Amino acid sequence: MPRLFVSSATFCAALALSVFANPAPVAADNGLVGSYLAARQASSFSDYQAAADYYTRALVRDSSNPSLLQSALISQMAVGNLDAAVPIARRLRSASGGNQLAEVVLLADQIRRQDHEALFADYDAGRETGPLVDGLVKAWAHLDQGDVSEALSAFDTLGEDTDFAAFAFYHKALALALVGDFEGADRLFAADDGSGFRQTRRGVMAHAEVLGQLERFDDALALLDLAFGADPDPAIAQIRARLEAGETPPFDLVTSPSDGMAEVFFTVAGVLNNEADDTYTLIYSRIAEALSPRHTDAILLSAALLERQNQYELATAAYNRIPRADPAFHLAEMGRAEALRASGKIEAAIEVLEQLAKSYADLPDVHRALGDLLRGEERYDAASRAYDAAIAALPMEDPTHWVLYYVRGITHERGDRWPEAEADFRKALDLEPDQPQVLNYLGYSYLEKQTNYKEALSMIERAVAARPNDGYIVDSLGWALYRLGRYEEAVAPMERAAALMPVDPVVNDHLGDVYWAVGRKIEAEFQWRRALSFEPEEDEATRIRRKLEVGLDVVLAEEGADPIAVANDG
């Protein structure tokens, strides 16, 4: 992933993450302790709605407790309730004499109400939410007051700090475009050194819109092609269609200074994502939503964060906020389907994707999502049909499409349609010749079918060279050598595979077979018992038990397979 603006360590330090330190204990007082403990329990599971309810009850008994106030504030912001959070933030500011989270929430409220007087008064009084957010918000607030010169000066001042320069000039470019200076915006976008905002989806879209405003349609199309390739999503496709028709696309990434300030909080959330506490990140994406309800990317990020924390109802509610007319509607529906699947509502998830596939028949990703869900449910025939539709919807063949042939090949293989599976795996390798997943899957399949052993070994060796620490692939190498009768050579890779995947039943079973083949029968029986302890599939467990009873040689004879002493060099 490209470096986005500034290192996460620098960024997190600038934001002062200490706001989420564990709250101090709350003294028991009649009914207070029950609500408090229930709230803490809910918080431990990221059950924000329940936590918000319980903390609110606890605050009735102890309305000025800073610990309760902060926890209640976190919960209300996590569910996206800025209206409920603001009075709590005011009380927390008063009770604690200064609290970063409270200041962030109060700042968001002032931005939403366009209360510039209060916003700047609080800054004059010493408010600090972090140098990056404060610097960007002040600049946008000046612009909202109509003072373009002061706003641009503020962006430049923030840009003097090398840690924040990319942020500052990205937002300055947006501000310039907003006031109609598209030449100035383009200069900033074009000057980017490749380590910052132009690598983000929104940065590319903004620059393309700026180029469109300058009627540099070919340059804009080239930029979109470079960033998004041959399969643009509907939002990008809409911009492309206008450009190809020689029409000027509107600059609508930000349509007001308030949108610009929402972009500040979304920018922060995007950098924090996967780097900081999910709850902390969620608060910033929720603020971006509150400041710009049309900010689809912020809504999708909030939903993804909630889903990651197993808050599927809240995630679904967020996805449901994306209107059908929005270009990102299909992404919201795909996210909603995943949330339904994760919460155990499989049939509902399938129904969502089936309906989506009808409405977005030209989007390969929609059909692939349906195929992936059906494949996970072992409905291989239906999954194959979904992948058929995905491949049929591809606008042109591209090396990145190997994955569609690969997953369709898996469904054919699992559905006992080996000729079709082999053809798909071969096609995937035509598109991506050294793809280790495909090399391993096809090579291992040959081993299991007891054919093409030498080619299988070559494929798996290439896969191991690409991914030497992948336990499944290293296991395949050991198993290929075992199948070829090269038992002594098989020991080292099989032992390494077991070290990489110590609780995998198949790997431990394979290691037992290899040990048996080289005469280490006590160790073989130990590995088979280990494999049984890791709950293998029932047919595998039955075979392992039989090996423990009579030994591998007898089991192979019973199965009509070649004995250990014979090298399988088919």
Protein backbone atom coordinates (compact mmCIF):
# COMPACT_ATOMS: atom_id res chain seq x y z
CA MET A 1 0.00 0.00 0.00
CA PRO A 2 1.42 3.39 -0.86
CA ARG A 3 2.52 5.74 1.86
CA LEU A 4 -0.41 8.06 2.49
CA PHE A 5 0.65 11.59 3.42
CA VAL A 6 2.69 10.87 6.53
CA SER A 7 3.89 7.93 8.58
CA SER A 8 1.30 6.50 10.95
CA ALA A 9 3.66 6.90 13.89
CA THR A 10 4.08 10.61 13.25
CA PHE A 11 0.41 11.05 12.56
CA CYS A 12 -0.80 9.21 15.65
CA ALA A 13 1.61 11.15 17.80
CA ALA A 14 0.22 14.37 16.38
CA LEU A 15 -3.30 13.28 17.21
CA ALA A 16 -2.51 12.34 20.82
CA LEU A 17 -4.17 8.94 21.05
CA SER A 18 -4.16 9.02 24.83
CA VAL A 19 -7.81 10.01 24.74
CA PHE A 20 -8.65 6.30 24.78
CA ALA A 21 -6.74 5.43 27.90
CA ASN A 22 -8.71 3.13 30.21
CA PRO A 23 -11.17 5.19 32.27
CA ALA A 24 -10.76 5.38 35.99
CA PRO A 25 -13.04 3.16 38.11
CA VAL A 26 -16.42 4.53 39.03
CA ALA A 27 -17.43 4.36 42.67
CA ALA A 28 -20.49 2.22 43.44
CA ASP A 29 -23.55 4.30 44.28
CA ASN A 30 -26.92 2.60 44.54
CA GLY A 31 -28.04 1.92 40.94
CA LEU A 32 -24.97 3.46 39.33
CA VAL A 33 -22.71 0.44 39.43
CA GLY A 34 -25.12 -1.82 37.55
CA SER A 35 -25.47 0.52 34.60
CA TYR A 36 -21.76 1.27 34.62
CA LEU A 37 -20.74 -2.40 34.60
CA ALA A 38 -23.27 -3.18 31.89
CA ALA A 39 -21.90 -0.30 29.84
CA ARG A 40 -18.31 -1.46 30.32
CA GLN A 41 -19.30 -4.97 29.27
CA ALA A 42 -21.03 -3.64 26.16
CA SER A 43 -18.02 -1.47 25.35
CA SER A 44 -15.67 -4.45 25.61
CA PHE A 45 -17.61 -6.06 22.77
CA SER A 46 -17.87 -2.78 20.81
CA ASP A 47 -21.64 -2.90 21.31
CA TYR A 48 -21.89 0.84 20.98
CA GLN A 49 -25.66 1.17 21.03
CA ALA A 50 -26.01 -0.77 24.28
CA ALA A 51 -23.03 1.07 25.77
CA ALA A 52 -24.56 4.44 24.86
CA ASP A 53 -27.84 3.45 26.53
CA TYR A 54 -26.20 2.18 29.72
CA TYR A 55 -23.77 5.09 30.04
CA THR A 56 -26.68 7.49 29.65
CA ARG A 57 -28.43 5.76 32.54
CA ALA A 58 -25.27 5.91 34.62
CA LEU A 59 -24.92 9.64 33.95
CA VAL A 60 -28.33 10.23 35.50
CA ARG A 61 -26.78 9.10 38.81
CA ASP A 62 -23.41 10.78 38.36
CA SER A 63 -23.65 13.52 35.76
CA SER A 64 -20.22 15.10 36.26
CA ASN A 65 -17.99 12.02 36.39
CA PRO A 66 -15.29 12.57 33.71
CA SER A 67 -14.80 8.84 33.15
CA LEU A 68 -18.48 8.24 32.55
CA LEU A 69 -18.77 11.32 30.38
CA GLN A 70 -15.88 10.31 28.15
CA SER A 71 -17.14 6.75 27.77
CA ALA A 72 -20.65 7.97 27.00
CA LEU A 73 -19.22 10.43 24.47
CA ILE A 74 -17.25 7.70 22.71
CA SER A 75 -20.33 5.48 22.49
CA GLN A 76 -22.62 8.20 21.16
CA MET A 77 -20.10 9.21 18.50
CA ALA A 78 -19.53 5.58 17.51
CA VAL A 79 -23.23 5.17 16.74
CA GLY A 80 -23.13 8.45 14.82
CA ASN A 81 -25.26 10.50 17.19
CA LEU A 82 -23.56 13.89 17.16
CA ASP A 83 -26.66 15.60 18.56
CA ALA A 84 -26.54 13.46 21.70
CA ALA A 85 -22.76 13.74 21.94
CA VAL A 86 -22.57 17.55 21.98
CA PRO A 87 -24.13 18.18 25.43
CA ILE A 88 -22.01 15.37 26.85
CA ALA A 89 -18.92 16.98 25.35
CA ARG A 90 -19.80 20.33 26.93
CA ARG A 91 -20.14 18.70 30.35
CA LEU A 92 -16.90 16.77 29.86
CA ARG A 93 -15.04 19.93 28.92
CA SER A 94 -16.34 21.60 32.08
CA ALA A 95 -15.68 18.60 34.33
CA SER A 96 -12.20 17.81 33.08
CA GLY A 97 -10.87 21.28 32.38
CA GLY A 98 -9.94 20.26 28.85
CA ASN A 99 -10.41 17.01 26.98
CA GLN A 100 -9.27 16.32 23.42
CA LEU A 101 -12.24 14.17 22.46
CA ALA A 102 -14.68 16.73 23.83
CA GLU A 103 -12.92 19.46 21.84
CA VAL A 104 -13.10 17.39 18.64
CA VAL A 105 -16.86 16.87 19.09
CA LEU A 106 -17.53 20.51 19.94
CA LEU A 107 -15.43 21.58 16.95
CA ALA A 108 -17.52 19.33 14.70
CA ASP A 109 -20.70 20.88 16.06
CA GLN A 110 -19.43 24.40 15.42
CA ILE A 111 -18.50 23.46 11.85
CA ARG A 112 -21.90 21.91 11.29
CA ARG A 113 -23.66 25.04 12.56
CA GLN A 114 -21.18 27.32 10.74
CA ASP A 115 -20.55 29.08 14.05
CA HIS A 116 -17.25 30.63 13.03
CA GLU A 117 -17.28 33.07 15.91
CA ALA A 118 -17.37 30.30 18.52
CA LEU A 119 -14.90 28.20 16.52
CA PHE A 120 -12.23 30.90 16.41
CA ALA A 121 -12.99 32.05 19.97
CA ASP A 122 -12.25 28.55 21.24
CA TYR A 123 -9.01 28.46 19.27
CA ASP A 124 -8.05 31.85 20.69
CA ALA A 125 -8.78 30.44 24.16
CA GLY A 126 -6.31 27.61 23.61
CA ARG A 127 -8.30 24.75 22.04
CA GLU A 128 -6.04 21.95 20.73
CA THR A 129 -7.30 18.88 18.90
CA GLY A 130 -4.04 18.24 17.07
CA PRO A 131 -1.94 20.44 14.78
CA LEU A 132 -3.10 18.78 11.56
CA VAL A 133 -6.85 18.97 12.17
CA ASP A 134 -6.61 22.42 13.71
CA GLY A 135 -4.52 23.79 10.85
CA LEU A 136 -6.80 22.44 8.12
CA VAL A 137 -10.04 23.37 9.86
CA LYS A 138 -8.91 26.95 10.44
CA ALA A 139 -7.99 27.31 6.77
CA TRP A 140 -11.37 26.00 5.59
CA ALA A 141 -13.17 28.17 8.17
CA HIS A 142 -11.46 31.26 6.76
CA LEU A 143 -12.66 30.23 3.32
CA ASP A 144 -16.18 29.75 4.69
CA GLN A 145 -16.01 33.36 5.91
CA GLY A 146 -15.10 34.45 2.39
CA ASP A 147 -11.47 35.25 3.20
CA VAL A 148 -9.72 33.32 0.39
CA SER A 149 -6.33 34.96 0.97
CA GLU A 150 -6.29 34.08 4.67
CA ALA A 151 -7.39 30.54 3.90
CA LEU A 152 -4.62 29.94 1.36
CA SER A 153 -2.08 31.45 3.72
CA ALA A 154 -3.21 29.07 6.45
CA PHE A 155 -2.78 26.06 4.14
CA ASP A 156 0.71 27.29 3.24
CA THR A 157 1.66 27.74 6.88
CA LEU A 158 0.62 24.18 7.69
CA GLY A 159 2.52 22.99 4.61
CA GLU A 160 5.76 24.35 6.03
CA ASP A 161 5.75 21.34 8.37
CA THR A 162 7.07 18.50 6.22
CA ASP A 163 4.98 15.94 8.14
CA PHE A 164 1.79 17.71 7.08
CA ALA A 165 2.77 19.22 3.74
CA ALA A 166 0.95 16.67 1.56
CA PHE A 167 -2.23 17.10 3.60
CA ALA A 168 -2.01 20.87 3.41
CA PHE A 169 -1.48 21.03 -0.35
CA TYR A 170 -4.17 18.42 -1.08
CA HIS A 171 -6.70 20.51 0.80
CA LYS A 172 -5.35 23.71 -0.72
CA ALA A 173 -5.87 22.18 -4.17
CA LEU A 174 -9.47 21.34 -3.26
CA ALA A 175 -9.99 24.89 -1.98
CA LEU A 176 -8.55 26.42 -5.14
CA ALA A 177 -10.81 24.27 -7.29
CA LEU A 178 -13.79 25.20 -5.14
CA VAL A 179 -13.21 28.90 -5.78
CA GLY A 180 -12.64 28.32 -9.50
CA ASP A 181 -8.85 28.46 -9.71
CA PHE A 182 -8.47 25.19 -11.59
CA GLU A 183 -5.06 26.09 -12.98
CA GLY A 184 -3.74 26.56 -9.45
CA ALA A 185 -5.35 23.32 -8.31
CA ASP A 186 -3.82 21.42 -11.22
CA ARG A 187 -0.37 22.77 -10.44
CA LEU A 188 -0.63 21.38 -6.92
CA PHE A 189 -1.94 18.00 -8.06
CA ALA A 190 0.64 17.72 -10.82
CA ALA A 191 3.47 18.67 -8.45
CA ASP A 192 2.73 15.72 -6.18
CA ASP A 193 5.79 13.49 -5.83
CA GLY A 194 3.80 10.24 -5.82
CA SER A 195 3.91 9.67 -2.08
CA GLY A 196 0.72 11.44 -1.13
CA PHE A 197 -2.81 12.34 -1.94
CA ARG A 198 -2.84 11.72 -5.70
CA GLN A 199 -2.50 8.00 -5.02
CA THR A 200 -5.83 7.98 -3.22
CA ARG A 201 -9.06 7.35 -5.08
CA ARG A 202 -10.56 10.70 -4.09
CA GLY A 203 -7.37 12.52 -5.02
CA VAL A 204 -7.39 10.99 -8.50
CA MET A 205 -11.08 11.83 -8.94
CA ALA A 206 -10.51 15.43 -7.85
CA HIS A 207 -7.58 15.88 -10.24
CA ALA A 208 -9.53 14.34 -13.12
CA GLU A 209 -12.41 16.72 -12.47
CA VAL A 210 -9.98 19.64 -12.37
CA LEU A 211 -8.47 18.58 -15.70
CA GLY A 212 -11.98 18.28 -17.10
CA GLN A 213 -12.76 21.82 -16.02
CA LEU A 214 -9.66 22.89 -17.95
CA GLU A 215 -10.96 20.90 -20.96
CA ARG A 216 -7.87 18.70 -20.88
CA PHE A 217 -10.02 15.68 -21.51
CA ASP A 218 -7.29 13.38 -22.84
CA ASP A 219 -5.07 14.07 -19.83
CA ALA A 220 -7.96 13.36 -17.48
CA LEU A 221 -8.78 10.08 -19.23
CA ALA A 222 -5.13 9.02 -19.14
CA LEU A 223 -5.04 9.73 -15.41
CA LEU A 224 -8.16 7.63 -14.79
CA ASP A 225 -6.83 4.78 -16.95
CA LEU A 226 -3.55 4.76 -15.07
CA ALA A 227 -5.24 4.69 -11.68
CA PHE A 228 -8.27 2.45 -12.30
CA GLY A 229 -7.47 0.36 -15.35
CA ALA A 230 -10.03 -1.20 -17.61
CA ASP A 231 -12.71 -1.92 -14.99
CA PRO A 232 -13.75 1.41 -13.46
CA ASP A 233 -16.52 1.46 -10.88
CA PRO A 234 -19.73 3.39 -11.71
CA ALA A 235 -18.53 6.65 -10.15
CA ILE A 236 -15.36 6.63 -12.25
CA ALA A 237 -17.31 5.43 -15.27
CA GLN A 238 -19.60 8.46 -14.99
CA ILE A 239 -16.63 10.83 -15.07
CA ARG A 240 -15.10 8.89 -17.99
CA ALA A 241 -18.34 9.05 -19.98
CA ARG A 242 -18.46 12.84 -19.71
CA LEU A 243 -14.82 13.21 -20.63
CA GLU A 244 -15.10 10.87 -23.61
CA ALA A 245 -18.11 12.89 -24.82
CA GLY A 246 -16.09 16.11 -24.56
CA GLU A 247 -18.28 17.34 -21.71
CA THR A 248 -16.89 19.13 -18.69
CA PRO A 249 -17.56 17.11 -15.52
CA PRO A 250 -18.60 19.15 -12.50
CA PHE A 251 -16.09 19.60 -9.72
CA ASP A 252 -18.20 18.10 -6.93
CA LEU A 253 -15.80 16.30 -4.65
CA VAL A 254 -16.27 19.29 -2.37
CA THR A 255 -19.04 21.78 -3.05
CA SER A 256 -18.63 24.00 0.02
CA PRO A 257 -16.11 24.77 2.77
CA SER A 258 -18.20 22.53 5.05
CA ASP A 259 -17.54 19.68 2.62
CA GLY A 260 -13.86 20.59 2.81
CA MET A 261 -13.92 20.32 6.59
CA ALA A 262 -15.72 16.96 6.31
CA GLU A 263 -12.86 15.92 4.03
CA VAL A 264 -10.43 16.83 6.82
CA PHE A 265 -12.00 14.30 9.16
CA PHE A 266 -12.34 11.67 6.43
CA THR A 267 -8.68 12.16 5.54
CA VAL A 268 -7.74 11.56 9.17
CA ALA A 269 -9.96 8.47 9.35
CA GLY A 270 -8.42 7.10 6.17
CA VAL A 271 -4.90 7.43 7.53
CA LEU A 272 -5.83 5.94 10.89
CA ASN A 273 -7.66 3.01 9.31
CA ASN A 274 -5.77 -0.23 10.14
CA GLU A 275 -3.19 1.80 12.07
CA ALA A 276 -5.08 2.94 15.17
CA ASP A 277 -7.91 1.75 17.39
CA ASP A 278 -10.99 1.12 15.23
CA THR A 279 -13.19 3.08 17.62
CA TYR A 280 -10.94 6.11 17.35
CA THR A 281 -10.97 5.87 13.56
CA LEU A 282 -14.75 5.45 13.60
CA ILE A 283 -15.25 8.73 15.47
CA TYR A 284 -13.47 10.64 12.69
CA SER A 285 -15.43 8.92 9.92
CA ARG A 286 -18.68 9.57 11.82
CA ILE A 287 -17.81 13.28 12.06
CA ALA A 288 -17.15 13.35 8.31
CA GLU A 289 -20.61 11.83 7.78
CA ALA A 290 -22.25 14.38 10.08
CA LEU A 291 -20.61 17.31 8.31
CA SER A 292 -21.35 16.02 4.81
CA PRO A 293 -24.24 13.54 4.74
CA ARG A 294 -23.56 12.92 1.04
CA HIS A 295 -19.98 11.79 1.78
CA THR A 296 -20.45 8.24 0.55
CA ASP A 297 -16.86 7.20 1.18
CA ALA A 298 -17.13 8.21 4.85
CA ILE A 299 -20.34 6.20 5.25
CA LEU A 300 -18.74 3.16 3.63
CA LEU A 301 -15.69 3.48 5.88
CA SER A 302 -17.87 3.72 8.99
CA ALA A 303 -19.80 0.64 7.89
CA ALA A 304 -16.59 -1.31 7.25
CA LEU A 305 -15.19 -0.36 10.66
CA LEU A 306 -18.40 -1.46 12.36
CA GLU A 307 -18.41 -4.71 10.44
CA ARG A 308 -14.81 -5.33 11.49
CA GLN A 309 -15.96 -5.01 15.10
CA ASN A 310 -18.86 -7.45 14.56
CA GLN A 311 -21.45 -4.70 14.86
CA TYR A 312 -23.47 -5.98 11.96
CA GLU A 313 -26.74 -4.19 12.68
CA LEU A 314 -25.01 -0.81 12.88
CA ALA A 315 -22.99 -1.66 9.77
CA THR A 316 -26.16 -2.61 7.90
CA ALA A 317 -27.82 0.63 8.99
CA ALA A 318 -24.87 2.55 7.60
CA TYR A 319 -24.92 0.69 4.28
CA ASN A 320 -28.65 1.34 4.04
CA ARG A 321 -27.98 5.09 4.04
CA ILE A 322 -26.48 4.93 0.55
CA PRO A 323 -29.34 5.74 -1.85
CA ARG A 324 -30.00 3.58 -4.89
CA ALA A 325 -29.12 6.46 -7.22
CA ASP A 326 -25.63 6.81 -5.72
CA PRO A 327 -22.81 5.40 -7.91
CA ALA A 328 -21.56 3.53 -4.85
CA PHE A 329 -24.89 1.80 -4.20
CA HIS A 330 -23.54 -1.54 -5.40
CA LEU A 331 -20.64 -1.27 -2.94
CA ALA A 332 -23.07 -0.59 -0.11
CA GLU A 333 -25.20 -3.57 -1.09
CA MET A 334 -22.14 -5.81 -1.32
CA GLY A 335 -21.12 -4.61 2.13
CA ARG A 336 -24.63 -5.20 3.46
CA ALA A 337 -24.58 -8.72 2.07
CA GLU A 338 -21.27 -9.42 3.80
CA ALA A 339 -22.64 -8.08 7.09
CA LEU A 340 -25.68 -10.35 6.72
CA ARG A 341 -23.43 -13.32 5.96
CA ALA A 342 -21.20 -12.64 8.93
CA SER A 343 -24.23 -12.42 11.22
CA GLY A 344 -25.45 -15.82 10.02
CA LYS A 345 -28.20 -14.60 7.67
CA ILE A 346 -26.90 -16.50 4.68
CA GLU A 347 -30.08 -16.69 2.61
CA ALA A 348 -30.72 -12.97 3.07
CA ALA A 349 -27.15 -12.23 1.96
CA ILE A 350 -27.56 -14.39 -1.14
CA GLU A 351 -30.86 -12.68 -1.96
CA VAL A 352 -29.23 -9.24 -1.73
CA LEU A 353 -26.46 -10.23 -4.14
CA GLU A 354 -28.78 -12.05 -6.54
CA GLN A 355 -30.95 -8.96 -6.85
CA LEU A 356 -27.87 -6.77 -7.19
CA ALA A 357 -26.54 -9.00 -9.96
CA LYS A 358 -29.74 -8.40 -11.90
CA SER A 359 -29.50 -4.62 -11.53
CA TYR A 360 -25.73 -4.42 -12.13
CA ALA A 361 -25.31 -7.20 -14.66
CA ASP A 362 -22.40 -5.35 -16.29
CA LEU A 363 -20.27 -5.22 -13.11
CA PRO A 364 -17.98 -8.26 -12.74
CA ASP A 365 -17.33 -7.54 -9.06
CA VAL A 366 -21.00 -7.99 -8.18
CA HIS A 367 -21.16 -11.44 -9.80
CA ARG A 368 -17.85 -12.36 -8.21
CA ALA A 369 -19.15 -11.39 -4.76
CA LEU A 370 -22.16 -13.66 -5.31
CA GLY A 371 -19.88 -16.45 -6.52
CA ASP A 372 -17.60 -16.10 -3.51
CA LEU A 373 -20.54 -16.30 -1.12
CA LEU A 374 -22.00 -19.36 -2.84
CA ARG A 375 -18.58 -21.02 -2.98
CA GLY A 376 -18.17 -20.46 0.75
CA GLU A 377 -21.49 -22.24 1.24
CA GLU A 378 -20.26 -25.11 -0.96
CA ARG A 379 -22.94 -24.43 -3.58
CA TYR A 380 -20.46 -25.03 -6.33
CA ASP A 381 -22.78 -25.26 -9.34
CA ALA A 382 -24.47 -21.95 -8.50
CA ALA A 383 -21.09 -20.37 -7.74
CA SER A 384 -19.78 -21.48 -11.14
CA ARG A 385 -22.72 -19.78 -12.84
CA ALA A 386 -22.04 -16.56 -10.95
CA TYR A 387 -18.40 -16.65 -12.02
CA ASP A 388 -19.52 -17.35 -15.60
CA ALA A 389 -21.49 -14.09 -15.45
CA ALA A 390 -18.50 -12.23 -13.97
CA ILE A 391 -16.20 -13.39 -16.76
CA ALA A 392 -18.81 -12.62 -19.41
CA ALA A 393 -19.06 -9.06 -18.05
CA LEU A 394 -15.33 -8.36 -18.36
CA PRO A 395 -14.82 -5.52 -20.84
CA MET A 396 -11.46 -6.87 -22.01
CA GLU A 397 -8.95 -9.46 -20.93
CA ASP A 398 -6.45 -8.26 -18.35
CA PRO A 399 -3.78 -10.10 -16.31
CA THR A 400 -5.58 -9.16 -13.10
CA HIS A 401 -8.53 -11.30 -14.18
CA TRP A 402 -6.60 -14.49 -13.37
CA VAL A 403 -8.41 -14.63 -10.05
CA LEU A 404 -11.84 -15.09 -11.68
CA TYR A 405 -10.65 -18.12 -13.62
CA TYR A 406 -8.93 -19.43 -10.51
CA VAL A 407 -12.00 -19.27 -8.28
CA ARG A 408 -14.23 -20.66 -11.03
CA GLY A 409 -11.72 -23.46 -11.43
CA ILE A 410 -12.08 -24.23 -7.74
CA THR A 411 -15.85 -24.53 -8.07
CA HIS A 412 -15.46 -26.85 -11.07
CA GLU A 413 -12.93 -28.97 -9.20
CA ARG A 414 -15.12 -29.20 -6.11
CA GLY A 415 -18.11 -30.00 -8.33
CA ASP A 416 -16.23 -32.95 -9.93
CA ARG A 417 -15.85 -31.21 -13.28
CA TRP A 418 -12.12 -31.68 -13.62
CA PRO A 419 -11.66 -30.93 -17.34
CA GLU A 420 -13.36 -27.55 -16.88
CA ALA A 421 -11.37 -26.92 -13.69
CA GLU A 422 -8.05 -27.73 -15.33
CA ALA A 423 -8.88 -25.44 -18.25
CA ASP A 424 -9.64 -22.56 -15.90
CA PHE A 425 -6.45 -23.07 -13.90
CA ARG A 426 -4.46 -23.15 -17.14
CA LYS A 427 -6.19 -19.97 -18.27
CA ALA A 428 -5.36 -18.27 -14.97
CA LEU A 429 -1.70 -19.21 -15.51
CA ASP A 430 -1.81 -17.87 -19.05
CA LEU A 431 -2.82 -14.52 -17.57
CA GLU A 432 -0.45 -14.66 -14.57
CA PRO A 433 2.17 -17.36 -15.24
CA ASP A 434 3.88 -17.30 -11.84
CA GLN A 435 0.80 -16.91 -9.66
CA PRO A 436 1.66 -19.06 -6.61
CA GLN A 437 -1.93 -19.79 -5.53
CA VAL A 438 -2.81 -21.20 -8.92
CA LEU A 439 0.45 -23.09 -9.29
CA ASN A 440 -0.07 -24.67 -5.90
CA TYR A 441 -3.74 -25.53 -6.39
CA LEU A 442 -3.23 -27.10 -9.82
CA GLY A 443 -0.06 -28.88 -8.76
CA TYR A 444 -1.65 -30.27 -5.62
CA SER A 445 -4.73 -31.34 -7.59
CA TYR A 446 -2.49 -33.35 -9.91
CA LEU A 447 -0.93 -35.00 -6.87
CA GLU A 448 -4.32 -35.97 -5.47
CA LYS A 449 -5.38 -37.34 -8.86
CA GLN A 450 -2.08 -39.23 -9.06
CA THR A 451 -1.13 -37.81 -12.42
CA ASN A 452 1.39 -35.36 -13.90
CA TYR A 453 3.65 -35.75 -10.86
CA LYS A 454 6.72 -34.16 -12.40
CA GLU A 455 4.83 -31.14 -13.72
CA ALA A 456 3.05 -30.86 -10.40
CA LEU A 457 6.41 -30.80 -8.59
CA SER A 458 7.71 -28.09 -10.93
CA MET A 459 4.60 -25.96 -10.34
CA ILE A 460 4.79 -26.32 -6.60
CA GLU A 461 8.52 -25.56 -6.50
CA ARG A 462 7.79 -22.30 -8.34
CA ALA A 463 5.02 -21.54 -5.86
CA VAL A 464 7.32 -22.17 -2.90
CA ALA A 465 9.98 -19.92 -4.41
CA ALA A 466 7.39 -17.14 -4.53
CA ARG A 467 5.95 -17.80 -1.08
CA PRO A 468 8.46 -19.70 1.06
CA ASN A 469 6.55 -19.03 4.29
CA ASP A 470 3.15 -20.22 3.12
CA GLY A 471 2.45 -23.41 5.05
CA TYR A 472 -0.04 -24.79 2.56
CA ILE A 473 2.34 -24.39 -0.36
CA VAL A 474 5.32 -25.84 1.55
CA ASP A 475 3.08 -28.79 2.51
CA SER A 476 2.33 -29.30 -1.18
CA LEU A 477 6.06 -29.49 -1.92
CA GLY A 478 6.62 -32.13 0.73
CA TRP A 479 3.61 -34.07 -0.51
CA ALA A 480 4.80 -33.91 -4.12
CA LEU A 481 8.17 -35.37 -3.13
CA TYR A 482 6.38 -38.05 -1.13
CA ARG A 483 4.18 -38.95 -4.11
CA LEU A 484 7.31 -39.22 -6.27
CA GLY A 485 8.81 -41.67 -3.79
CA ARG A 486 11.52 -39.21 -2.76
CA TYR A 487 10.75 -39.78 0.88
CA GLU A 488 13.95 -38.54 2.49
CA GLU A 489 13.73 -35.29 0.52
CA ALA A 490 10.12 -34.89 1.62
CA VAL A 491 10.96 -34.78 5.34
CA ALA A 492 12.40 -31.25 5.52
CA PRO A 493 9.59 -29.42 3.70
CA MET A 494 6.93 -31.40 5.55
CA GLU A 495 8.53 -30.55 8.91
CA ARG A 496 8.71 -26.91 7.86
CA ALA A 497 5.05 -26.96 6.82
CA ALA A 498 4.11 -28.38 10.22
CA ALA A 499 6.12 -25.65 11.91
CA LEU A 500 4.34 -23.01 9.84
CA MET A 501 0.90 -24.57 10.46
CA PRO A 502 1.23 -26.53 13.71
CA VAL A 503 -2.50 -27.11 14.28
CA ASP A 504 -3.55 -28.02 10.74
CA PRO A 505 -4.82 -31.63 10.65
CA VAL A 506 -3.93 -32.26 7.00
CA VAL A 507 -0.35 -31.05 7.37
CA ASN A 508 0.23 -33.14 10.49
CA ASP A 509 -1.32 -36.16 8.78
CA HIS A 510 0.99 -35.70 5.79
CA LEU A 511 4.02 -35.39 8.06
CA GLY A 512 3.01 -38.67 9.71
CA ASP A 513 2.89 -40.40 6.33
CA VAL A 514 6.33 -39.04 5.42
CA TYR A 515 7.80 -40.19 8.75
CA TRP A 516 6.32 -43.66 8.19
CA ALA A 517 7.81 -43.81 4.72
CA VAL A 518 11.34 -43.21 6.08
CA GLY A 519 10.93 -45.70 8.92
CA ARG A 520 10.24 -43.24 11.76
CA LYS A 521 7.08 -45.06 12.76
CA ILE A 522 6.78 -43.88 16.37
CA GLU A 523 6.99 -40.27 15.21
CA ALA A 524 4.49 -41.06 12.46
CA GLU A 525 1.94 -42.35 14.96
CA PHE A 526 2.52 -39.27 17.12
CA GLN A 527 1.78 -36.99 14.16
CA TRP A 528 -1.36 -38.92 13.25
CA ARG A 529 -2.63 -38.57 16.81
CA ARG A 530 -1.88 -34.83 16.65
CA ALA A 531 -3.80 -34.62 13.41
CA LEU A 532 -6.81 -36.30 15.06
CA SER A 533 -6.68 -33.81 17.94
CA PHE A 534 -7.19 -30.95 15.47
CA GLU A 535 -10.58 -32.29 14.32
CA PRO A 536 -10.07 -33.24 10.67
CA GLU A 537 -12.96 -33.96 8.30
CA GLU A 538 -14.71 -37.23 9.19
CA ASP A 539 -13.43 -39.19 6.19
CA GLU A 540 -9.89 -38.04 6.95
CA ALA A 541 -10.31 -38.91 10.63
CA THR A 542 -11.50 -42.42 9.73
CA ARG A 543 -8.45 -42.99 7.55
CA ILE A 544 -6.08 -41.70 10.26
CA ARG A 545 -7.63 -44.02 12.84
CA ARG A 546 -7.18 -46.93 10.47
CA LYS A 547 -3.49 -46.01 10.01
CA LEU A 548 -3.05 -46.00 13.78
CA GLU A 549 -4.62 -49.46 13.94
CA VAL A 550 -2.77 -51.26 11.13
CA GLY A 551 -0.13 -48.88 9.76
CA LEU A 552 0.13 -46.96 6.50
CA ASP A 553 1.32 -49.96 4.44
CA VAL A 554 -1.86 -51.91 5.13
CA VAL A 555 -4.08 -48.89 4.49
CA LEU A 556 -2.41 -48.31 1.10
CA ALA A 557 -2.87 -52.00 0.22
CA GLU A 558 -6.53 -51.82 1.23
CA GLU A 559 -6.95 -48.79 -1.00
CA GLY A 560 -5.23 -50.47 -3.94
CA ALA A 561 -2.49 -47.84 -3.95
CA ASP A 562 1.19 -48.39 -4.64
CA PRO A 563 3.17 -49.49 -1.58
CA ILE A 564 5.64 -47.17 0.11
CA ALA A 565 8.64 -48.79 -1.53
CA VAL A 566 7.46 -47.95 -5.05
CA ALA A 567 8.38 -44.55 -6.45
CA ASN A 568 5.47 -42.90 -8.19
CA ASP A 569 7.10 -41.24 -11.14
CA GLY A 570 4.04 -41.11 -13.42
